[in-house]
Amino acid sequence: MYALHEDVNDPLILTTLEAWEDLEALEQHIKNEHVWKLVSDLRKMRESTEINV
């Protein structure tokens, strides 16, 4: 599950929430080539990133 949220005070701040069945499912997802392509493209557009698992 993915959910994209925009900050109520600053529309330039976006938060993406993801829910995975388990850690193994997340690890398999991260190994996909299309995920790495997306992550690479997003890195070009962001100022900062915070990842919490």
Protein backbone atom coordinates (compact mmCIF):
# COMPACT_ATOMS: atom_id res chain seq x y z
CA MET A 1 0.00 0.00 0.00
CA TYR A 2 1.21 3.48 -0.87
CA ALA A 3 -0.27 6.75 0.40
CA LEU A 4 1.00 10.17 -0.67
CA HIS A 5 0.34 13.14 1.64
CA GLU A 6 0.92 16.86 1.19
CA ASP A 7 1.82 18.97 4.23
CA VAL A 8 -1.11 21.22 5.22
CA ASN A 9 1.23 24.18 5.77
CA ASP A 10 3.68 23.68 2.91
CA PRO A 11 2.59 22.05 -0.36
CA LEU A 12 6.24 21.46 -1.26
CA ILE A 13 6.57 18.93 1.57
CA LEU A 14 5.33 15.48 0.57
CA THR A 15 5.22 12.33 2.66
CA THR A 16 4.85 8.85 1.23
CA LEU A 17 3.68 6.06 3.50
CA GLU A 18 4.13 2.45 2.47
CA ALA A 19 2.79 -0.69 4.13
CA TRP A 20 4.33 -4.09 3.45
CA GLU A 21 3.19 -7.57 4.50
CA ASP A 22 6.57 -8.17 6.13
CA LEU A 23 10.22 -7.15 5.92
CA GLU A 24 10.92 -9.85 3.32
CA ALA A 25 8.28 -8.36 1.00
CA LEU A 26 9.86 -4.92 1.37
CA GLU A 27 13.33 -6.30 0.69
CA GLN A 28 12.09 -8.04 -2.48
CA HIS A 29 10.44 -4.80 -3.64
CA ILE A 30 13.64 -2.82 -3.13
CA LYS A 31 15.54 -5.25 -5.38
CA ASN A 32 13.37 -4.47 -8.44
CA GLU A 33 15.04 -2.50 -11.23
CA HIS A 34 12.04 -0.17 -11.68
CA VAL A 35 12.27 0.81 -8.00
CA TRP A 36 15.94 1.78 -8.36
CA LYS A 37 15.07 3.83 -11.47
CA LEU A 38 12.31 5.65 -9.60
CA VAL A 39 14.53 6.27 -6.57
CA SER A 40 17.26 7.63 -8.82
CA ASP A 41 14.83 10.00 -10.55
CA LEU A 42 13.32 11.18 -7.26
CA ARG A 43 16.75 11.92 -5.79
CA LYS A 44 17.22 14.56 -8.49
CA MET A 45 14.08 16.40 -7.34
CA ARG A 46 14.36 16.39 -3.56
CA GLU A 47 16.12 18.48 -0.98
CA SER A 48 16.15 15.84 1.74
CA THR A 49 14.90 12.40 2.63
CA GLU A 50 14.02 10.66 5.86
CA ILE A 51 13.35 6.92 5.85
CA ASN A 52 11.80 5.15 8.82
CA VAL A 53 11.12 1.41 8.84
